[in-house]
Amino acid sequence: MNRGVNILIGEKIRNIRKSKNLTIVELSEQINVTSGYISQIERDLISPSLAVLKRMAQALEIPLSLLFMDENTESVVTIHNDERTKIKFSNINVDLEFLTPFERNGEKFHGLEAFFCKLPPKTWISNNTIINDSKEFIYILKGKIECHIGNKVYIVSKGDSICVPERNGHLVYNPEDEEMEAICIISHTAH
């Protein structure tokens, strides 16, 4: 078990040192150890003392705790603007631009979906009532919507948000003469 921690520490030290454009010799001079000692630490051949780790963290300008944090980069996903999945469904009047990884085979990414959408002026989002088995959160970036839920109409303007509980049928309308832009998040609950 201790060996696993050392591997992470050695790799982290090497990656951080390289990201700061420091050579092993420069780091060794700053913390008053030999370059061979740092090389052995980075290759996980030896376990450094806490005093040495503290000096390394200070020289690398990082919190000491960063060296002991577990890394789980498996679930980290970056989606660049030009790589977003864009979808047009036949039953709704908006194009969806997914901000989270697009769901495939029914798998949910961290239990939520987030997407950017635009609704044309004087347009209903759908001709049919929308019913989700999940909570839906809408944040208005531009314009205004009317969210019709049951007998109530909620007006949601730029900067406002609305959270619609699961299984609440609703209709969304853009009453304005300009396009509405929003970020929508659907939070999937485990069943």
N, C-alpha and C. Protein backbone atom coordinates (compact mmCIF):
# COMPACT_ATOMS: atom_id res chain seq x y z
N MET A 1 0.83 -1.20 0.00
CA MET A 1 0.00 0.00 0.00
C MET A 1 0.86 1.25 0.00
N ASN A 2 1.90 1.28 0.81
CA ASN A 2 2.80 2.43 0.87
C ASN A 2 3.47 2.66 -0.47
N ARG A 3 3.77 1.59 -1.18
CA ARG A 3 4.40 1.71 -2.49
C ARG A 3 3.50 2.49 -3.46
N GLY A 4 2.19 2.24 -3.41
CA GLY A 4 1.25 2.93 -4.28
C GLY A 4 1.24 4.44 -4.04
N VAL A 5 1.32 4.83 -2.78
CA VAL A 5 1.36 6.25 -2.45
C VAL A 5 2.64 6.87 -2.99
N ASN A 6 3.78 6.17 -2.84
CA ASN A 6 5.05 6.69 -3.34
C ASN A 6 5.02 6.87 -4.86
N ILE A 7 4.39 5.94 -5.57
CA ILE A 7 4.31 6.07 -7.02
C ILE A 7 3.57 7.35 -7.38
N LEU A 8 2.46 7.59 -6.73
CA LEU A 8 1.72 8.81 -7.02
C LEU A 8 2.54 10.05 -6.68
N ILE A 9 3.22 10.02 -5.55
CA ILE A 9 4.01 11.18 -5.15
C ILE A 9 5.15 11.42 -6.13
N GLY A 10 5.86 10.37 -6.51
CA GLY A 10 6.97 10.51 -7.45
C GLY A 10 6.51 11.05 -8.80
N GLU A 11 5.43 10.49 -9.30
CA GLU A 11 4.88 10.95 -10.58
C GLU A 11 4.41 12.40 -10.48
N LYS A 12 3.74 12.71 -9.37
CA LYS A 12 3.23 14.08 -9.20
C LYS A 12 4.39 15.07 -9.14
N ILE A 13 5.41 14.74 -8.36
CA ILE A 13 6.56 15.64 -8.23
C ILE A 13 7.19 15.88 -9.60
N ARG A 14 7.40 14.81 -10.37
CA ARG A 14 8.01 14.94 -11.70
C ARG A 14 7.12 15.80 -12.60
N ASN A 15 5.81 15.53 -12.63
CA ASN A 15 4.91 16.28 -13.51
C ASN A 15 4.83 17.75 -13.13
N ILE A 16 4.76 18.03 -11.83
CA ILE A 16 4.69 19.42 -11.38
C ILE A 16 6.00 20.14 -11.67
N ARG A 17 7.12 19.47 -11.38
CA ARG A 17 8.44 20.07 -11.65
C ARG A 17 8.58 20.42 -13.13
N LYS A 18 8.19 19.49 -14.00
CA LYS A 18 8.29 19.74 -15.45
C LYS A 18 7.34 20.85 -15.89
N SER A 19 6.14 20.90 -15.30
CA SER A 19 5.19 21.94 -15.68
C SER A 19 5.69 23.33 -15.31
N LYS A 20 6.58 23.39 -14.32
CA LYS A 20 7.15 24.67 -13.89
C LYS A 20 8.51 24.92 -14.55
N ASN A 21 8.85 24.08 -15.53
CA ASN A 21 10.11 24.20 -16.27
C ASN A 21 11.34 24.22 -15.37
N LEU A 22 11.29 23.40 -14.33
CA LEU A 22 12.43 23.26 -13.42
C LEU A 22 13.17 21.98 -13.75
N THR A 23 14.47 22.04 -13.75
CA THR A 23 15.26 20.82 -13.91
C THR A 23 15.43 20.17 -12.55
N ILE A 24 15.83 18.91 -12.56
CA ILE A 24 16.10 18.22 -11.29
C ILE A 24 17.21 18.95 -10.53
N VAL A 25 18.21 19.42 -11.25
CA VAL A 25 19.34 20.13 -10.61
C VAL A 25 18.84 21.41 -9.94
N GLU A 26 17.98 22.18 -10.64
CA GLU A 26 17.46 23.43 -10.07
C GLU A 26 16.64 23.16 -8.80
N LEU A 27 15.80 22.12 -8.86
CA LEU A 27 14.99 21.79 -7.68
C LEU A 27 15.88 21.32 -6.53
N SER A 28 16.87 20.51 -6.85
CA SER A 28 17.76 20.00 -5.80
C SER A 28 18.51 21.14 -5.10
N GLU A 29 18.92 22.13 -5.87
CA GLU A 29 19.61 23.28 -5.28
C GLU A 29 18.68 24.09 -4.37
N GLN A 30 17.41 24.20 -4.76
CA GLN A 30 16.46 24.98 -3.97
C GLN A 30 16.14 24.31 -2.63
N ILE A 31 16.16 22.98 -2.58
CA ILE A 31 15.77 22.30 -1.34
C ILE A 31 16.95 21.64 -0.64
N ASN A 32 18.14 21.87 -1.16
CA ASN A 32 19.38 21.43 -0.50
C ASN A 32 19.49 19.90 -0.38
N VAL A 33 19.22 19.21 -1.49
CA VAL A 33 19.47 17.77 -1.60
C VAL A 33 20.16 17.53 -2.93
N THR A 34 20.66 16.33 -3.15
CA THR A 34 21.33 16.04 -4.42
C THR A 34 20.30 15.79 -5.53
N SER A 35 20.74 16.01 -6.76
CA SER A 35 19.85 15.75 -7.89
C SER A 35 19.55 14.26 -8.01
N GLY A 36 20.51 13.42 -7.63
CA GLY A 36 20.29 11.97 -7.64
C GLY A 36 19.19 11.57 -6.67
N TYR A 37 19.11 12.25 -5.54
CA TYR A 37 18.08 11.98 -4.55
C TYR A 37 16.70 12.28 -5.13
N ILE A 38 16.58 13.42 -5.79
CA ILE A 38 15.29 13.79 -6.41
C ILE A 38 14.95 12.81 -7.52
N SER A 39 15.92 12.44 -8.30
CA SER A 39 15.69 11.47 -9.37
C SER A 39 15.16 10.15 -8.81
N GLN A 40 15.71 9.71 -7.70
CA GLN A 40 15.27 8.46 -7.07
C GLN A 40 13.83 8.61 -6.53
N ILE A 41 13.51 9.78 -5.98
CA ILE A 41 12.15 10.03 -5.50
C ILE A 41 11.17 9.97 -6.67
N GLU A 42 11.51 10.66 -7.76
CA GLU A 42 10.62 10.71 -8.91
C GLU A 42 10.42 9.34 -9.57
N ARG A 43 11.41 8.48 -9.43
CA ARG A 43 11.30 7.12 -9.99
C ARG A 43 10.81 6.12 -8.95
N ASP A 44 10.40 6.62 -7.80
CA ASP A 44 9.83 5.81 -6.72
C ASP A 44 10.80 4.74 -6.22
N LEU A 45 12.08 5.07 -6.21
CA LEU A 45 13.08 4.13 -5.70
C LEU A 45 13.30 4.31 -4.21
N ILE A 46 12.98 5.50 -3.71
CA ILE A 46 13.11 5.77 -2.27
C ILE A 46 11.91 6.56 -1.78
N SER A 47 11.67 6.50 -0.50
CA SER A 47 10.59 7.28 0.12
C SER A 47 11.19 8.49 0.80
N PRO A 48 10.82 9.69 0.38
CA PRO A 48 11.39 10.90 0.98
C PRO A 48 10.79 11.14 2.37
N SER A 49 11.54 11.84 3.18
CA SER A 49 11.03 12.21 4.50
C SER A 49 9.99 13.31 4.35
N LEU A 50 9.20 13.50 5.38
CA LEU A 50 8.20 14.55 5.37
C LEU A 50 8.86 15.93 5.26
N ALA A 51 10.02 16.09 5.89
CA ALA A 51 10.73 17.37 5.83
C ALA A 51 11.13 17.70 4.39
N VAL A 52 11.59 16.69 3.65
CA VAL A 52 11.98 16.90 2.25
C VAL A 52 10.73 17.21 1.41
N LEU A 53 9.64 16.49 1.66
CA LEU A 53 8.41 16.75 0.92
C LEU A 53 7.91 18.17 1.16
N LYS A 54 8.02 18.64 2.40
CA LYS A 54 7.59 20.01 2.72
C LYS A 54 8.43 21.02 1.94
N ARG A 55 9.75 20.80 1.89
CA ARG A 55 10.63 21.72 1.15
C ARG A 55 10.33 21.66 -0.34
N MET A 56 10.04 20.46 -0.86
CA MET A 56 9.70 20.32 -2.29
C MET A 56 8.41 21.08 -2.59
N ALA A 57 7.40 20.89 -1.75
CA ALA A 57 6.12 21.57 -1.97
C ALA A 57 6.31 23.08 -1.97
N GLN A 58 7.12 23.58 -1.05
CA GLN A 58 7.38 25.01 -0.98
C GLN A 58 8.11 25.48 -2.24
N ALA A 59 9.12 24.74 -2.68
CA ALA A 59 9.87 25.12 -3.87
C ALA A 59 9.01 25.05 -5.14
N LEU A 60 8.09 24.08 -5.17
CA LEU A 60 7.21 23.93 -6.34
C LEU A 60 5.97 24.83 -6.25
N GLU A 61 5.84 25.54 -5.13
CA GLU A 61 4.74 26.47 -4.89
C GLU A 61 3.38 25.77 -4.97
N ILE A 62 3.30 24.64 -4.24
CA ILE A 62 2.05 23.87 -4.16
C ILE A 62 1.77 23.54 -2.71
N PRO A 63 0.50 23.30 -2.36
CA PRO A 63 0.21 22.84 -1.01
C PRO A 63 0.75 21.41 -0.83
N LEU A 64 1.30 21.12 0.31
CA LEU A 64 1.84 19.79 0.59
C LEU A 64 0.77 18.72 0.39
N SER A 65 -0.46 19.02 0.75
CA SER A 65 -1.54 18.04 0.65
C SER A 65 -1.78 17.57 -0.79
N LEU A 66 -1.42 18.41 -1.78
CA LEU A 66 -1.59 18.03 -3.18
C LEU A 66 -0.82 16.76 -3.52
N LEU A 67 0.30 16.55 -2.87
CA LEU A 67 1.11 15.37 -3.14
C LEU A 67 0.43 14.09 -2.65
N PHE A 68 -0.49 14.20 -1.71
CA PHE A 68 -1.14 13.03 -1.13
C PHE A 68 -2.56 12.79 -1.65
N MET A 69 -3.04 13.68 -2.50
CA MET A 69 -4.40 13.53 -3.02
C MET A 69 -4.46 12.39 -4.02
N ASP A 70 -5.53 11.60 -3.94
CA ASP A 70 -5.77 10.54 -4.91
C ASP A 70 -6.16 11.17 -6.24
N GLU A 71 -5.66 10.58 -7.31
CA GLU A 71 -6.04 11.04 -8.63
C GLU A 71 -6.97 10.03 -9.25
N ASN A 72 -8.10 10.51 -9.71
CA ASN A 72 -9.04 9.67 -10.42
C ASN A 72 -9.44 10.42 -11.68
N THR A 73 -8.54 10.46 -12.65
CA THR A 73 -8.78 11.21 -13.88
C THR A 73 -9.65 10.44 -14.86
N GLU A 74 -10.01 9.22 -14.51
CA GLU A 74 -10.82 8.40 -15.40
C GLU A 74 -12.14 9.06 -15.75
N SER A 75 -12.77 9.76 -14.81
CA SER A 75 -14.07 10.35 -15.05
C SER A 75 -14.00 11.83 -15.46
N VAL A 76 -12.80 12.39 -15.56
CA VAL A 76 -12.68 13.79 -15.97
C VAL A 76 -12.82 13.87 -17.49
N VAL A 77 -13.74 14.71 -17.94
CA VAL A 77 -13.98 14.86 -19.37
C VAL A 77 -13.99 16.35 -19.70
N THR A 78 -13.26 16.72 -20.73
CA THR A 78 -13.28 18.10 -21.22
C THR A 78 -13.93 18.08 -22.59
N ILE A 79 -14.89 18.96 -22.79
CA ILE A 79 -15.57 19.06 -24.09
C ILE A 79 -15.33 20.47 -24.61
N HIS A 80 -14.60 20.56 -25.70
CA HIS A 80 -14.32 21.87 -26.29
C HIS A 80 -15.52 22.34 -27.10
N ASN A 81 -15.62 23.65 -27.24
CA ASN A 81 -16.75 24.28 -27.92
C ASN A 81 -17.07 23.63 -29.27
N ASP A 82 -16.05 23.36 -30.06
CA ASP A 82 -16.27 22.81 -31.40
C ASP A 82 -16.48 21.29 -31.40
N GLU A 83 -16.47 20.66 -30.23
CA GLU A 83 -16.64 19.21 -30.14
C GLU A 83 -17.98 18.80 -29.51
N ARG A 84 -18.84 19.77 -29.20
CA ARG A 84 -20.10 19.45 -28.56
C ARG A 84 -21.03 18.70 -29.50
N THR A 85 -21.77 17.76 -28.94
CA THR A 85 -22.77 17.02 -29.72
C THR A 85 -24.00 17.90 -29.88
N LYS A 86 -24.43 18.06 -31.13
CA LYS A 86 -25.61 18.88 -31.42
C LYS A 86 -26.69 17.97 -31.99
N ILE A 87 -27.90 18.13 -31.46
CA ILE A 87 -29.00 17.25 -31.84
C ILE A 87 -30.25 18.07 -32.11
N LYS A 88 -30.99 17.67 -33.12
CA LYS A 88 -32.30 18.26 -33.40
C LYS A 88 -33.31 17.11 -33.35
N PHE A 89 -34.22 17.18 -32.37
CA PHE A 89 -35.27 16.18 -32.26
C PHE A 89 -36.48 16.64 -33.06
N SER A 90 -37.19 15.70 -33.65
CA SER A 90 -38.35 16.05 -34.48
C SER A 90 -39.53 16.57 -33.66
N ASN A 91 -39.59 16.22 -32.37
CA ASN A 91 -40.75 16.60 -31.56
C ASN A 91 -40.56 17.87 -30.73
N ILE A 92 -39.39 18.51 -30.86
CA ILE A 92 -39.18 19.78 -30.15
C ILE A 92 -38.62 20.83 -31.11
N ASN A 93 -38.85 22.09 -30.80
CA ASN A 93 -38.49 23.18 -31.70
C ASN A 93 -37.18 23.87 -31.35
N VAL A 94 -36.28 23.15 -30.68
CA VAL A 94 -34.97 23.71 -30.35
C VAL A 94 -33.89 22.72 -30.75
N ASP A 95 -32.73 23.25 -31.06
CA ASP A 95 -31.55 22.42 -31.24
C ASP A 95 -30.87 22.33 -29.89
N LEU A 96 -30.40 21.16 -29.54
CA LEU A 96 -29.70 20.97 -28.27
C LEU A 96 -28.21 20.82 -28.53
N GLU A 97 -27.43 21.52 -27.74
CA GLU A 97 -25.98 21.44 -27.82
C GLU A 97 -25.51 20.95 -26.45
N PHE A 98 -25.09 19.69 -26.39
CA PHE A 98 -24.77 19.07 -25.11
C PHE A 98 -23.48 19.62 -24.53
N LEU A 99 -23.55 20.05 -23.25
CA LEU A 99 -22.38 20.55 -22.52
C LEU A 99 -21.70 19.43 -21.74
N THR A 100 -22.43 18.34 -21.52
CA THR A 100 -21.88 17.14 -20.90
C THR A 100 -21.74 16.10 -22.00
N PRO A 101 -21.01 15.03 -21.74
CA PRO A 101 -20.91 13.98 -22.77
C PRO A 101 -22.31 13.49 -23.13
N PHE A 102 -22.52 13.28 -24.42
CA PHE A 102 -23.82 12.83 -24.90
C PHE A 102 -24.07 11.41 -24.42
N GLU A 103 -25.29 11.16 -23.96
CA GLU A 103 -25.65 9.85 -23.43
C GLU A 103 -25.77 8.84 -24.56
N ARG A 104 -25.12 7.72 -24.38
CA ARG A 104 -25.22 6.64 -25.35
C ARG A 104 -25.62 5.38 -24.61
N ASN A 105 -26.42 4.56 -25.23
CA ASN A 105 -26.85 3.28 -24.66
C ASN A 105 -27.51 3.44 -23.29
N GLY A 106 -28.17 4.56 -23.08
CA GLY A 106 -28.88 4.77 -21.83
C GLY A 106 -27.99 5.08 -20.63
N GLU A 107 -26.68 5.22 -20.84
CA GLU A 107 -25.78 5.52 -19.72
C GLU A 107 -25.82 7.00 -19.42
N LYS A 108 -25.86 7.34 -18.15
CA LYS A 108 -25.92 8.73 -17.73
C LYS A 108 -24.56 9.16 -17.20
N PHE A 109 -24.11 10.35 -17.59
CA PHE A 109 -22.83 10.88 -17.13
C PHE A 109 -23.03 11.56 -15.80
N HIS A 110 -22.51 10.95 -14.75
CA HIS A 110 -22.59 11.52 -13.39
C HIS A 110 -24.02 11.87 -13.00
N GLY A 111 -24.99 11.18 -13.59
CA GLY A 111 -26.37 11.39 -13.21
C GLY A 111 -26.98 12.68 -13.71
N LEU A 112 -26.35 13.35 -14.68
CA LEU A 112 -26.95 14.56 -15.21
C LEU A 112 -26.60 14.78 -16.66
N GLU A 113 -27.44 15.56 -17.31
CA GLU A 113 -27.19 16.02 -18.67
C GLU A 113 -27.32 17.53 -18.64
N ALA A 114 -26.41 18.21 -19.30
CA ALA A 114 -26.51 19.67 -19.41
C ALA A 114 -26.40 20.02 -20.88
N PHE A 115 -27.24 20.95 -21.30
CA PHE A 115 -27.19 21.36 -22.69
C PHE A 115 -27.57 22.82 -22.84
N PHE A 116 -27.11 23.40 -23.93
CA PHE A 116 -27.40 24.77 -24.30
C PHE A 116 -28.50 24.70 -25.36
N CYS A 117 -29.48 25.58 -25.28
CA CYS A 117 -30.53 25.58 -26.30
C CYS A 117 -30.96 27.00 -26.64
N LYS A 118 -31.50 27.13 -27.84
CA LYS A 118 -32.05 28.40 -28.32
C LYS A 118 -33.47 28.12 -28.77
N LEU A 119 -34.40 28.98 -28.36
CA LEU A 119 -35.80 28.85 -28.76
C LEU A 119 -36.17 30.08 -29.58
N PRO A 120 -36.61 29.88 -30.82
CA PRO A 120 -36.97 31.02 -31.67
C PRO A 120 -38.09 31.87 -31.06
N PRO A 121 -38.22 33.11 -31.52
CA PRO A 121 -39.27 34.01 -31.01
C PRO A 121 -40.68 33.44 -31.23
N LYS A 122 -41.57 33.74 -30.30
CA LYS A 122 -42.99 33.38 -30.40
C LYS A 122 -43.18 31.89 -30.73
N THR A 123 -42.41 31.03 -30.05
CA THR A 123 -42.42 29.60 -30.36
C THR A 123 -42.55 28.78 -29.09
N TRP A 124 -43.34 27.70 -29.17
CA TRP A 124 -43.43 26.71 -28.10
C TRP A 124 -42.27 25.74 -28.30
N ILE A 125 -41.69 25.28 -27.18
CA ILE A 125 -40.58 24.33 -27.28
C ILE A 125 -41.05 23.00 -27.89
N SER A 126 -42.33 22.67 -27.66
CA SER A 126 -42.91 21.45 -28.19
C SER A 126 -44.42 21.62 -28.28
N ASN A 127 -45.03 20.86 -29.17
CA ASN A 127 -46.49 20.87 -29.25
C ASN A 127 -47.10 19.95 -28.21
N ASN A 128 -46.28 19.15 -27.56
CA ASN A 128 -46.73 18.19 -26.56
C ASN A 128 -46.16 18.55 -25.20
N THR A 129 -46.86 18.16 -24.16
CA THR A 129 -46.39 18.36 -22.80
C THR A 129 -45.09 17.58 -22.58
N ILE A 130 -44.14 18.22 -21.95
CA ILE A 130 -42.85 17.57 -21.64
C ILE A 130 -42.95 16.98 -20.25
N ILE A 131 -42.67 15.69 -20.14
CA ILE A 131 -42.66 15.02 -18.84
C ILE A 131 -41.34 14.27 -18.72
N ASN A 132 -40.53 14.66 -17.76
CA ASN A 132 -39.24 13.99 -17.51
C ASN A 132 -39.35 13.16 -16.24
N ASP A 133 -38.66 12.03 -16.22
CA ASP A 133 -38.56 11.23 -15.01
C ASP A 133 -37.48 11.79 -14.09
N SER A 134 -36.97 12.95 -14.43
CA SER A 134 -35.87 13.57 -13.70
C SER A 134 -36.18 15.05 -13.46
N LYS A 135 -35.46 15.63 -12.49
CA LYS A 135 -35.58 17.07 -12.25
C LYS A 135 -34.97 17.81 -13.44
N GLU A 136 -35.59 18.93 -13.78
CA GLU A 136 -35.10 19.75 -14.88
C GLU A 136 -34.86 21.16 -14.36
N PHE A 137 -33.68 21.66 -14.63
CA PHE A 137 -33.29 23.00 -14.20
C PHE A 137 -33.02 23.82 -15.46
N ILE A 138 -33.60 25.02 -15.55
CA ILE A 138 -33.41 25.89 -16.71
C ILE A 138 -32.90 27.25 -16.23
N TYR A 139 -31.79 27.70 -16.80
CA TYR A 139 -31.22 29.02 -16.50
C TYR A 139 -31.26 29.84 -17.78
N ILE A 140 -31.91 30.99 -17.73
CA ILE A 140 -32.07 31.82 -18.92
C ILE A 140 -30.87 32.75 -19.10
N LEU A 141 -30.20 32.60 -20.24
CA LEU A 141 -29.05 33.43 -20.57
C LEU A 141 -29.47 34.70 -21.32
N LYS A 142 -30.53 34.55 -22.15
CA LYS A 142 -30.99 35.67 -22.99
C LYS A 142 -32.48 35.50 -23.23
N GLY A 143 -33.21 36.58 -23.10
CA GLY A 143 -34.63 36.54 -23.38
C GLY A 143 -35.47 36.15 -22.19
N LYS A 144 -36.60 35.46 -22.48
CA LYS A 144 -37.59 35.14 -21.45
C LYS A 144 -38.37 33.92 -21.92
N ILE A 145 -38.87 33.15 -20.95
CA ILE A 145 -39.78 32.05 -21.27
C ILE A 145 -40.99 32.11 -20.35
N GLU A 146 -42.05 31.48 -20.81
CA GLU A 146 -43.19 31.17 -19.97
C GLU A 146 -43.15 29.67 -19.77
N CYS A 147 -43.11 29.24 -18.53
CA CYS A 147 -43.12 27.81 -18.22
C CYS A 147 -44.49 27.48 -17.65
N HIS A 148 -45.28 26.73 -18.42
CA HIS A 148 -46.65 26.37 -18.05
C HIS A 148 -46.63 25.01 -17.35
N ILE A 149 -46.98 25.02 -16.06
CA ILE A 149 -47.03 23.79 -15.27
C ILE A 149 -48.41 23.73 -14.61
N GLY A 150 -49.18 22.74 -15.01
CA GLY A 150 -50.55 22.66 -14.49
C GLY A 150 -51.33 23.91 -14.88
N ASN A 151 -51.95 24.57 -13.90
CA ASN A 151 -52.72 25.80 -14.14
C ASN A 151 -51.90 27.06 -13.93
N LYS A 152 -50.59 26.92 -13.65
CA LYS A 152 -49.76 28.08 -13.37
C LYS A 152 -48.81 28.37 -14.53
N VAL A 153 -48.50 29.66 -14.68
CA VAL A 153 -47.52 30.11 -15.68
C VAL A 153 -46.41 30.83 -14.92
N TYR A 154 -45.20 30.34 -15.08
CA TYR A 154 -44.04 30.94 -14.43
C TYR A 154 -43.26 31.72 -15.48
N ILE A 155 -43.03 32.99 -15.22
CA ILE A 155 -42.25 33.83 -16.12
C ILE A 155 -40.80 33.77 -15.66
N VAL A 156 -39.91 33.36 -16.55
CA VAL A 156 -38.49 33.21 -16.22
C VAL A 156 -37.71 34.06 -17.22
N SER A 157 -37.06 35.12 -16.72
CA SER A 157 -36.34 36.07 -17.57
C SER A 157 -34.83 35.88 -17.46
N LYS A 158 -34.11 36.63 -18.28
CA LYS A 158 -32.64 36.58 -18.29
C LYS A 158 -32.10 36.67 -16.86
N GLY A 159 -31.23 35.72 -16.52
CA GLY A 159 -30.63 35.69 -15.19
C GLY A 159 -31.44 34.89 -14.18
N ASP A 160 -32.69 34.57 -14.53
CA ASP A 160 -33.55 33.78 -13.64
C ASP A 160 -33.39 32.30 -13.96
N SER A 161 -33.86 31.48 -13.04
CA SER A 161 -33.84 30.04 -13.28
C SER A 161 -35.11 29.42 -12.71
N ILE A 162 -35.40 28.22 -13.15
CA ILE A 162 -36.55 27.48 -12.67
C ILE A 162 -36.15 26.01 -12.56
N CYS A 163 -36.65 25.37 -11.53
CA CYS A 163 -36.41 23.94 -11.34
C CYS A 163 -37.76 23.24 -11.36
N VAL A 164 -37.93 22.34 -12.32
CA VAL A 164 -39.18 21.61 -12.48
C VAL A 164 -38.99 20.20 -11.91
N PRO A 165 -39.76 19.84 -10.88
CA PRO A 165 -39.62 18.50 -10.29
C PRO A 165 -39.95 17.40 -11.30
N GLU A 166 -39.44 16.20 -11.01
CA GLU A 166 -39.69 15.07 -11.91
C GLU A 166 -41.18 14.79 -12.05
N ARG A 167 -41.52 14.29 -13.21
CA ARG A 167 -42.88 13.89 -13.57
C ARG A 167 -43.90 15.03 -13.47
N ASN A 168 -43.46 16.25 -13.67
CA ASN A 168 -44.36 17.40 -13.74
C ASN A 168 -44.46 17.82 -15.20
N GLY A 169 -45.61 17.56 -15.79
CA GLY A 169 -45.80 17.95 -17.18
C GLY A 169 -45.71 19.45 -17.32
N HIS A 170 -44.96 19.90 -18.33
CA HIS A 170 -44.82 21.33 -18.53
C HIS A 170 -44.65 21.66 -20.01
N LEU A 171 -44.98 22.88 -20.34
CA LEU A 171 -44.80 23.43 -21.68
C LEU A 171 -44.00 24.72 -21.55
N VAL A 172 -43.15 24.98 -22.52
CA VAL A 172 -42.31 26.18 -22.47
C VAL A 172 -42.56 26.99 -23.74
N TYR A 173 -42.74 28.30 -23.54
CA TYR A 173 -43.03 29.20 -24.66
C TYR A 173 -42.13 30.43 -24.58
N ASN A 174 -41.63 30.88 -25.74
CA ASN A 174 -40.87 32.11 -25.83
C ASN A 174 -41.82 33.22 -26.31
N PRO A 175 -42.26 34.11 -25.41
CA PRO A 175 -43.22 35.16 -25.79
C PRO A 175 -42.56 36.38 -26.44
N GLU A 176 -41.25 36.41 -26.48
CA GLU A 176 -40.51 37.59 -26.93
C GLU A 176 -40.35 37.63 -28.46
N ASP A 177 -39.88 38.78 -28.95
CA ASP A 177 -39.58 38.96 -30.37
C ASP A 177 -38.13 38.63 -30.68
N GLU A 178 -37.41 38.12 -29.68
CA GLU A 178 -36.02 37.72 -29.89
C GLU A 178 -35.84 36.27 -29.46
N GLU A 179 -34.78 35.68 -29.96
CA GLU A 179 -34.46 34.30 -29.63
C GLU A 179 -34.10 34.19 -28.15
N MET A 180 -34.55 33.12 -27.52
CA MET A 180 -34.22 32.85 -26.12
C MET A 180 -33.06 31.87 -26.09
N GLU A 181 -32.12 32.08 -25.16
CA GLU A 181 -31.00 31.16 -24.96
C GLU A 181 -31.00 30.71 -23.51
N ALA A 182 -30.76 29.41 -23.30
CA ALA A 182 -30.78 28.88 -21.94
C ALA A 182 -29.81 27.72 -21.80
N ILE A 183 -29.46 27.47 -20.56
CA ILE A 183 -28.75 26.26 -20.19
C ILE A 183 -29.74 25.41 -19.41
N CYS A 184 -29.87 24.16 -19.83
CA CYS A 184 -30.78 23.24 -19.17
C CYS A 184 -29.97 22.09 -18.58
N ILE A 185 -30.35 21.69 -17.38
CA ILE A 185 -29.69 20.55 -16.72
C ILE A 185 -30.78 19.59 -16.29
N ILE A 186 -30.60 18.34 -16.66
CA ILE A 186 -31.53 17.29 -16.24
C ILE A 186 -30.76 16.39 -15.29
N SER A 187 -31.28 16.28 -14.07
CA SER A 187 -30.63 15.47 -13.04
C SER A 187 -31.33 14.12 -12.94
N HIS A 188 -30.64 13.08 -13.36
CA HIS A 188 -31.21 11.75 -13.35
C HIS A 188 -31.08 11.13 -11.97
N THR A 189 -32.17 10.60 -11.49
CA THR A 189 -32.15 9.92 -10.19
C THR A 189 -32.08 8.43 -10.43
N ALA A 190 -31.41 7.74 -9.52
CA ALA A 190 -31.28 6.28 -9.63
C ALA A 190 -32.61 5.63 -9.31
N HIS A 191 -33.01 4.71 -10.16
CA HIS A 191 -34.27 3.98 -9.92
C HIS A 191 -33.94 2.53 -9.64
